């Protein structure tokens, strides 16, 4: 085996190991409350055909492509999933304030019973 072949073989091994390590630590989420009380919710922007995560932490909201928590990369589900593309499952496109929990429940019920 030549030096170039050995180098290429070792490079491919390292690349495979890196891919496996990344895949082990990446997880798709739609909604979750973490142990530190951070709330994560998936957003789906139909116009952009893009998913995001809304991260609620310390009374602030951030929109991100991913979120790292305890050595794990949390990502939203991919926008090309049939369940999203075909409108079977709906997600909000952006975070929105609501006045009260009672009003929120009323709005959700109104939306469901259209």
Protein backbone atom coordinates (compact mmCIF):
# COMPACT_ATOMS: atom_id res chain seq x y z
CA UNK A 1 0.00 0.00 0.00
CA UNK A 2 1.39 3.40 -0.92
CA UNK A 3 1.56 6.38 1.39
CA UNK A 4 -1.30 8.08 -0.51
CA UNK A 5 -3.50 4.99 -0.11
CA UNK A 6 -2.66 4.77 3.60
CA UNK A 7 -3.40 8.46 4.07
CA UNK A 8 -6.68 8.21 2.18
CA UNK A 9 -7.70 5.10 4.15
CA UNK A 10 -6.93 6.81 7.47
CA UNK A 11 -8.75 9.98 6.36
CA UNK A 12 -11.86 7.94 5.51
CA UNK A 13 -11.70 6.18 8.89
CA UNK A 14 -11.49 9.53 10.72
CA UNK A 15 -14.36 10.95 8.64
CA UNK A 16 -16.52 7.90 9.42
CA UNK A 17 -15.74 8.19 13.16
CA UNK A 18 -16.58 11.91 13.14
CA UNK A 19 -19.88 11.25 11.33
CA UNK A 20 -20.83 8.53 13.83
CA UNK A 21 -19.97 10.81 16.77
CA UNK A 22 -22.07 13.65 15.34
CA UNK A 23 -25.01 11.36 14.62
CA UNK A 24 -24.94 9.96 18.16
CA UNK A 25 -25.25 13.40 19.65
CA UNK A 26 -27.90 14.85 17.31
CA UNK A 27 -31.61 14.42 18.06
CA UNK A 28 -34.69 15.82 16.34
CA UNK A 29 -37.30 17.37 18.62
CA UNK A 30 -40.71 18.98 18.14
CA UNK A 31 -41.26 20.10 21.74
CA UNK A 32 -39.47 19.46 24.99
CA UNK A 33 -38.94 20.86 28.48
CA UNK A 34 -35.34 20.35 29.56
CA UNK A 35 -34.19 19.64 33.10
CA UNK A 36 -33.09 23.27 33.52
CA UNK A 37 -36.68 24.38 32.65
CA UNK A 38 -35.71 25.57 29.13
CA UNK A 39 -38.68 25.08 26.80
CA UNK A 40 -38.06 24.10 23.19
CA UNK A 41 -40.74 24.23 20.51
CA UNK A 42 -40.48 23.57 16.82
CA UNK A 43 -41.55 26.23 14.33
CA UNK A 44 -42.36 25.64 10.66
CA UNK A 45 -42.26 28.51 8.19
CA UNK A 46 -44.30 27.29 5.22
CA UNK A 47 -43.23 30.16 2.95
CA UNK A 48 -39.53 29.39 3.47
CA UNK A 49 -40.14 25.62 3.79
CA UNK A 50 -37.85 25.76 6.81
CA UNK A 51 -38.05 24.52 10.39
CA UNK A 52 -36.56 26.24 13.43
CA UNK A 53 -36.52 25.90 17.20
CA UNK A 54 -37.97 28.49 19.54
CA UNK A 55 -35.91 28.42 22.73
CA UNK A 56 -37.64 29.88 25.81
CA UNK A 57 -35.08 30.51 28.54
CA UNK A 58 -34.77 33.15 31.26
CA UNK A 59 -37.90 34.98 30.04
CA UNK A 60 -36.40 35.39 26.56
CA UNK A 61 -37.18 33.71 23.25
CA UNK A 62 -34.55 32.91 20.64
CA UNK A 63 -35.13 31.38 17.22
CA UNK A 64 -32.34 28.99 16.24
CA UNK A 65 -31.52 26.20 13.78
CA UNK A 66 -30.29 23.99 16.62
CA UNK A 67 -29.64 24.04 20.36
CA UNK A 68 -26.81 22.37 22.25
CA UNK A 69 -27.73 20.95 25.64
CA UNK A 70 -25.53 18.66 27.73
CA UNK A 71 -23.39 17.49 24.81
CA UNK A 72 -26.45 16.80 22.67
CA UNK A 73 -27.43 18.78 19.57
CA UNK A 74 -31.19 19.29 19.39
CA UNK A 75 -32.60 20.09 15.95
CA UNK A 76 -36.10 20.52 14.54
CA UNK A 77 -37.55 17.84 12.28
CA UNK A 78 -36.71 18.39 8.62
CA UNK A 79 -39.19 20.41 6.56
CA UNK A 80 -39.26 17.80 3.80
CA UNK A 81 -41.13 15.24 5.92
CA UNK A 82 -44.48 14.35 4.33
CA UNK A 83 -46.35 15.01 7.57
CA UNK A 84 -45.22 18.66 7.39
CA UNK A 85 -45.27 19.13 3.61
CA UNK A 86 -48.85 17.85 3.36
CA UNK A 87 -50.15 19.84 6.32
CA UNK A 88 -51.05 16.74 8.33
CA UNK A 89 -49.33 18.18 11.39
CA UNK A 90 -49.26 21.93 11.89
CA UNK A 91 -46.67 23.93 13.81
CA UNK A 92 -46.57 27.65 14.55
CA UNK A 93 -44.45 29.76 12.22
CA UNK A 94 -43.32 32.12 14.97
CA UNK A 95 -43.59 32.63 18.74
CA UNK A 96 -46.50 34.82 19.75
CA UNK A 97 -47.53 36.43 23.03
CA UNK A 98 -50.92 35.60 24.51
CA UNK A 99 -52.81 37.50 27.18
CA UNK A 100 -53.97 34.66 29.39
CA UNK A 101 -54.04 30.88 29.48
CA UNK A 102 -57.84 30.99 29.22
CA UNK A 103 -57.65 33.09 26.05
CA UNK A 104 -54.98 30.80 24.59
CA UNK A 105 -57.13 27.71 25.14
CA UNK A 106 -60.11 29.47 23.59
CA UNK A 107 -58.04 30.40 20.50
CA UNK A 108 -56.74 26.84 20.15
CA UNK A 109 -60.26 25.39 20.39
CA UNK A 110 -61.50 27.88 17.82
CA UNK A 111 -58.68 26.90 15.48
CA UNK A 112 -59.32 23.16 15.89
CA UNK A 113 -63.06 23.46 15.29
CA UNK A 114 -62.88 25.56 12.11
